[in-house]
C-alpha cells in the first residue's frame, strides 16, 4: 500500500469517523517540516501542529507540538512517569503506518499515548500532517483534542 495514498485515505476516514470535515489539502512542494508546511499553507510556523513520535519502551507516544516549539523529552517523561526516547523512522512507520514527515495525529495503526502542546490553544486554526509529506488538514485546537483524545500539556523546551 503506498504511504501517500493509503495513509492519506486512513486519515480522511478517521477525520470523517470523528465527525470532522475533510479539510485535507495537497501541497506538491511538500510539507515535510514545520517550516515547509507553514510556507506552503501560508501561515505562521506556530500554527503547524507537528507530530513527534517517541518511544516509552514498546509503547508509542505521540506529541503534537506547535511548529515553533522543540519538545522537552524530560517534561514528557515526567508527565508519563517513565523514560521516553526518540523513535527511528522504521519503527515509526511500523507502529503508526506513517512515514516521518507525514505522521498525522490520527489514524495510527497502534493507538499511541497522545500529548498536545498547550501552546496550540492560543491559535484559532492549526494545520496537521494528513498522512504524507504533501498533505495537511486544517482544524482547531478544540477539534484536535476531540478527535485525538489527547491531553493538553506543557511539553516545550524552555531556553536556559
C-alpha atoms as a PDB file:
ATOM      1  CA  UNK A   1       0.000   0.000   0.000  1.00  0.00           C
ATOM      2  CA  UNK A   2       1.615   3.301  -0.959  1.00  0.00           C
ATOM      3  CA  UNK A   3       2.262   5.501   2.031  1.00  0.00           C
ATOM      4  CA  UNK A   4       0.785   8.629   0.481  1.00  0.00           C
ATOM      5  CA  UNK A   5      -2.382   7.049  -0.928  1.00  0.00           C
ATOM      6  CA  UNK A   6      -3.314   4.568   1.800  1.00  0.00           C
ATOM      7  CA  UNK A   7      -2.138   6.746   4.661  1.00  0.00           C
ATOM      8  CA  UNK A   8      -3.986   9.820   3.459  1.00  0.00           C
ATOM      9  CA  UNK A   9      -7.160   7.798   2.973  1.00  0.00           C
ATOM     10  CA  UNK A  10      -6.764   6.376   6.504  1.00  0.00           C
ATOM     11  CA  UNK A  11      -6.531   9.942   7.862  1.00  0.00           C
ATOM     12  CA  UNK A  12      -9.545  11.026   5.779  1.00  0.00           C
ATOM     13  CA  UNK A  13     -11.573   8.085   7.128  1.00  0.00           C
ATOM     14  CA  UNK A  14     -10.518   8.897  10.712  1.00  0.00           C
ATOM     15  CA  UNK A  15     -11.499  12.554  10.275  1.00  0.00           C
ATOM     16  CA  UNK A  16     -14.910  11.663   8.898  1.00  0.00           C
ATOM     17  CA  UNK A  17     -15.498   8.954  11.539  1.00  0.00           C
ATOM     18  CA  UNK A  18     -14.778  11.576  14.219  1.00  0.00           C
ATOM     19  CA  UNK A  19     -17.335  13.954  12.702  1.00  0.00           C
ATOM     20  CA  UNK A  20     -14.649  16.332  11.409  1.00  0.00           C
ATOM     21  CA  UNK A  21     -14.877  17.858   7.943  1.00  0.00           C
ATOM     22  CA  UNK A  22     -12.482  16.589   5.291  1.00  0.00           C
ATOM     23  CA  UNK A  23     -10.130  19.577   5.265  1.00  0.00           C
ATOM     24  CA  UNK A  24      -7.175  17.752   3.703  1.00  0.00           C
ATOM     25  CA  UNK A  25      -5.226  19.928   1.286  1.00  0.00           C
ATOM     26  CA  UNK A  26      -2.369  18.887  -1.002  1.00  0.00           C
ATOM     27  CA  UNK A  27       0.841  20.818  -1.492  1.00  0.00           C
ATOM     28  CA  UNK A  28       3.090  19.294  -4.185  1.00  0.00           C
ATOM     29  CA  UNK A  29       6.020  21.426  -2.992  1.00  0.00           C
ATOM     30  CA  UNK A  30       5.923  19.451   0.265  1.00  0.00           C
ATOM     31  CA  UNK A  31       5.081  19.881   3.918  1.00  0.00           C
ATOM     32  CA  UNK A  32       7.754  17.613   5.401  1.00  0.00           C
ATOM     33  CA  UNK A  33       8.995  20.099   8.031  1.00  0.00           C
ATOM     34  CA  UNK A  34       7.035  22.659  10.052  1.00  0.00           C
ATOM     35  CA  UNK A  35       8.753  25.456   8.105  1.00  0.00           C
ATOM     36  CA  UNK A  36       7.888  23.813   4.755  1.00  0.00           C
ATOM     37  CA  UNK A  37       4.283  23.294   5.824  1.00  0.00           C
ATOM     38  CA  UNK A  38       3.910  26.890   7.044  1.00  0.00           C
ATOM     39  CA  UNK A  39       5.335  28.234   3.788  1.00  0.00           C
ATOM     40  CA  UNK A  40       3.011  26.015   1.731  1.00  0.00           C
ATOM     41  CA  UNK A  41      -0.116  26.770   3.759  1.00  0.00           C
ATOM     42  CA  UNK A  42       0.694  30.460   4.208  1.00  0.00           C
ATOM     43  CA  UNK A  43       0.563  30.528   7.990  1.00  0.00           C
ATOM     44  CA  UNK A  44       2.933  31.164  10.867  1.00  0.00           C
ATOM     45  CA  UNK A  45       5.104  28.165  11.783  1.00  0.00           C
ATOM     46  CA  UNK A  46       3.483  28.152  15.249  1.00  0.00           C
ATOM     47  CA  UNK A  47       0.175  27.126  13.588  1.00  0.00           C
ATOM     48  CA  UNK A  48       1.678  23.883  12.313  1.00  0.00           C
ATOM     49  CA  UNK A  49       0.780  21.020  14.653  1.00  0.00           C
ATOM     50  CA  UNK A  50       3.802  18.793  14.159  1.00  0.00           C
ATOM     51  CA  UNK A  51       3.614  15.147  15.197  1.00  0.00           C
ATOM     52  CA  UNK A  52       6.619  13.778  17.071  1.00  0.00           C
ATOM     53  CA  UNK A  53       6.618  10.023  17.737  1.00  0.00           C
ATOM     54  CA  UNK A  54       8.538   8.897  20.799  1.00  0.00           C
ATOM     55  CA  UNK A  55       9.058   5.505  22.437  1.00  0.00           C
ATOM     56  CA  UNK A  56       8.209   4.585  26.004  1.00  0.00           C
ATOM     57  CA  UNK A  57       9.537   1.037  25.881  1.00  0.00           C
ATOM     58  CA  UNK A  58       7.458  -0.671  23.187  1.00  0.00           C
ATOM     59  CA  UNK A  59       4.638   1.873  23.535  1.00  0.00           C
ATOM     60  CA  UNK A  60       4.288   4.739  21.040  1.00  0.00           C
ATOM     61  CA  UNK A  61       3.887   8.246  22.417  1.00  0.00           C
ATOM     62  CA  UNK A  62       2.680  10.973  20.090  1.00  0.00           C
ATOM     63  CA  UNK A  63       3.439  14.567  20.991  1.00  0.00           C
ATOM     64  CA  UNK A  64       1.594  17.077  18.827  1.00  0.00           C
ATOM     65  CA  UNK A  65       3.601  20.270  19.212  1.00  0.00           C
ATOM     66  CA  UNK A  66       3.424  23.769  17.844  1.00  0.00           C
ATOM     67  CA  UNK A  67       5.816  24.074  14.917  1.00  0.00           C
ATOM     68  CA  UNK A  68       7.567  26.888  16.790  1.00  0.00           C
ATOM     69  CA  UNK A  69       8.434  24.657  19.761  1.00  0.00           C
ATOM     70  CA  UNK A  70      11.005  21.997  20.500  1.00  0.00           C
ATOM     71  CA  UNK A  71       9.781  19.059  22.585  1.00  0.00           C
ATOM     72  CA  UNK A  72      11.391  18.617  26.014  1.00  0.00           C
ATOM     73  CA  UNK A  73      11.851  14.850  26.468  1.00  0.00           C
ATOM     74  CA  UNK A  74      12.374  15.314  30.212  1.00  0.00           C
ATOM     75  CA  UNK A  75       8.994  17.018  30.566  1.00  0.00           C
ATOM     76  CA  UNK A  76       7.295  14.298  28.525  1.00  0.00           C
ATOM     77  CA  UNK A  77       8.945  11.578  30.631  1.00  0.00           C
ATOM     78  CA  UNK A  78       7.849  13.325  33.845  1.00  0.00           C
ATOM     79  CA  UNK A  79       4.267  13.573  32.568  1.00  0.00           C
ATOM     80  CA  UNK A  80       4.191   9.875  31.687  1.00  0.00           C
ATOM     81  CA  UNK A  81       6.171   8.699  34.692  1.00  0.00           C
ATOM     82  CA  UNK A  82       8.551   6.710  32.519  1.00  0.00           C
ATOM     83  CA  UNK A  83      11.593   7.117  30.312  1.00  0.00           C
ATOM     84  CA  UNK A  84      10.956   8.170  26.712  1.00  0.00           C
ATOM     85  CA  UNK A  85      13.282   8.331  23.765  1.00  0.00           C
ATOM     86  CA  UNK A  86      13.314   9.241  20.099  1.00  0.00           C
ATOM     87  CA  UNK A  87      11.982   6.658  17.664  1.00  0.00           C
ATOM     88  CA  UNK A  88      13.733   5.709  14.442  1.00  0.00           C
ATOM     89  CA  UNK A  89      11.974   6.017  11.099  1.00  0.00           C
ATOM     90  CA  UNK A  90      11.365   2.314  10.505  1.00  0.00           C
ATOM     91  CA  UNK A  91       9.803   1.852  13.970  1.00  0.00           C
ATOM     92  CA  UNK A  92       7.626   4.939  13.419  1.00  0.00           C
ATOM     93  CA  UNK A  93       6.393   3.527  10.112  1.00  0.00           C
ATOM     94  CA  UNK A  94       5.770   0.068  11.593  1.00  0.00           C
ATOM     95  CA  UNK A  95       3.745   1.242  14.604  1.00  0.00           C
ATOM     96  CA  UNK A  96       1.960   4.265  13.139  1.00  0.00           C
ATOM     97  CA  UNK A  97       1.647   3.365   9.459  1.00  0.00           C
ATOM     98  CA  UNK A  98       3.091   6.764   8.548  1.00  0.00           C
ATOM     99  CA  UNK A  99       6.493   7.817   7.260  1.00  0.00           C
ATOM    100  CA  UNK A 100       8.297  10.584   9.113  1.00  0.00           C
ATOM    101  CA  UNK A 101       7.245  13.892   7.581  1.00  0.00           C
ATOM    102  CA  UNK A 102       3.663  12.713   7.153  1.00  0.00           C
ATOM    103  CA  UNK A 103       2.731  11.426  10.622  1.00  0.00           C
ATOM    104  CA  UNK A 104      -0.838  12.513  11.320  1.00  0.00           C
ATOM    105  CA  UNK A 105      -2.267  12.982  14.808  1.00  0.00           C
ATOM    106  CA  UNK A 106      -4.998  10.417  13.978  1.00  0.00           C
ATOM    107  CA  UNK A 107      -5.316   7.147  12.061  1.00  0.00           C
ATOM    108  CA  UNK A 108      -2.408   5.317  13.710  1.00  0.00           C
ATOM    109  CA  UNK A 109      -2.101   1.555  13.307  1.00  0.00           C
ATOM    110  CA  UNK A 110      -1.159   1.272  17.002  1.00  0.00           C
ATOM    111  CA  UNK A 111      -3.027   3.742  19.221  1.00  0.00           C
ATOM    112  CA  UNK A 112      -0.420   5.956  20.916  1.00  0.00           C
ATOM    113  CA  UNK A 113      -0.475   7.873  24.162  1.00  0.00           C
ATOM    114  CA  UNK A 114      -1.129  11.440  22.948  1.00  0.00           C
ATOM    115  CA  UNK A 115       0.078  14.703  24.463  1.00  0.00           C
ATOM    116  CA  UNK A 116      -0.928  18.020  22.910  1.00  0.00           C
ATOM    117  CA  UNK A 117       1.210  21.141  23.227  1.00  0.00           C
ATOM    118  CA  UNK A 118      -0.713  23.641  25.335  1.00  0.00           C
ATOM    119  CA  UNK A 119       0.690  26.481  23.157  1.00  0.00           C
ATOM    120  CA  UNK A 120      -1.612  25.352  20.314  1.00  0.00           C
ATOM    121  CA  UNK A 121      -4.606  26.533  22.374  1.00  0.00           C
ATOM    122  CA  UNK A 122      -3.712  30.170  21.610  1.00  0.00           C
ATOM    123  CA  UNK A 123      -4.320  29.676  17.875  1.00  0.00           C
ATOM    124  CA  UNK A 124      -7.693  29.857  16.105  1.00  0.00           C
ATOM    125  CA  UNK A 125      -6.685  27.448  13.319  1.00  0.00           C
ATOM    126  CA  UNK A 126      -3.922  24.870  13.079  1.00  0.00           C
ATOM    127  CA  UNK A 127      -2.645  22.548  10.377  1.00  0.00           C
ATOM    128  CA  UNK A 128      -1.510  18.941  10.903  1.00  0.00           C
ATOM    129  CA  UNK A 129       0.014  16.296   8.650  1.00  0.00           C
ATOM    130  CA  UNK A 130      -2.548  14.183   6.843  1.00  0.00           C
ATOM    131  CA  UNK A 131      -0.587  11.007   6.179  1.00  0.00           C
ATOM    132  CA  UNK A 132       2.042  12.098   3.689  1.00  0.00           C
ATOM    133  CA  UNK A 133       4.731  14.764   3.321  1.00  0.00           C
ATOM    134  CA  UNK A 134       2.484  16.579   0.826  1.00  0.00           C
ATOM    135  CA  UNK A 135      -0.879  16.707   2.629  1.00  0.00           C
ATOM    136  CA  UNK A 136      -2.108  18.548   5.706  1.00  0.00           C
ATOM    137  CA  UNK A 137      -5.521  19.153   7.237  1.00  0.00           C
ATOM    138  CA  UNK A 138      -6.932  22.227   8.917  1.00  0.00           C
ATOM    139  CA  UNK A 139      -8.514  22.010  12.357  1.00  0.00           C
ATOM    140  CA  UNK A 140      -8.937  23.912  15.587  1.00  0.00           C
ATOM    141  CA  UNK A 141      -7.257  23.145  18.906  1.00  0.00           C
ATOM    142  CA  UNK A 142     -10.616  22.058  20.376  1.00  0.00           C
ATOM    143  CA  UNK A 143     -11.263  19.701  17.466  1.00  0.00           C
ATOM    144  CA  UNK A 144      -7.713  18.348  17.630  1.00  0.00           C
ATOM    145  CA  UNK A 145      -8.259  17.409  21.280  1.00  0.00           C
ATOM    146  CA  UNK A 146     -11.665  15.910  20.485  1.00  0.00           C
ATOM    147  CA  UNK A 147     -10.537  13.758  17.540  1.00  0.00           C
ATOM    148  CA  UNK A 148      -7.292  12.560  19.143  1.00  0.00           C
ATOM    149  CA  UNK A 149      -8.382  12.152  22.754  1.00  0.00           C
ATOM    150  CA  UNK A 150      -5.033  13.702  23.651  1.00  0.00           C
ATOM    151  CA  UNK A 151      -4.235  15.548  26.851  1.00  0.00           C
ATOM    152  CA  UNK A 152      -3.071  19.169  26.874  1.00  0.00           C
ATOM    153  CA  UNK A 153       0.372  19.510  28.466  1.00  0.00           C
ATOM    154  CA  UNK A 154       3.360  21.826  28.797  1.00  0.00           C
ATOM    155  CA  UNK A 155       5.888  19.959  26.664  1.00  0.00           C
ATOM    156  CA  UNK A 156       8.038  22.651  25.101  1.00  0.00           C
ATOM    157  CA  UNK A 157      11.706  23.055  25.785  1.00  0.00           C
ATOM    158  CA  UNK A 158      12.405  26.213  27.766  1.00  0.00           C
ATOM    159  CA  UNK A 159      15.560  28.118  26.774  1.00  0.00           C
ATOM    160  CA  UNK A 160      18.083  28.301  29.585  1.00  0.00           C
END
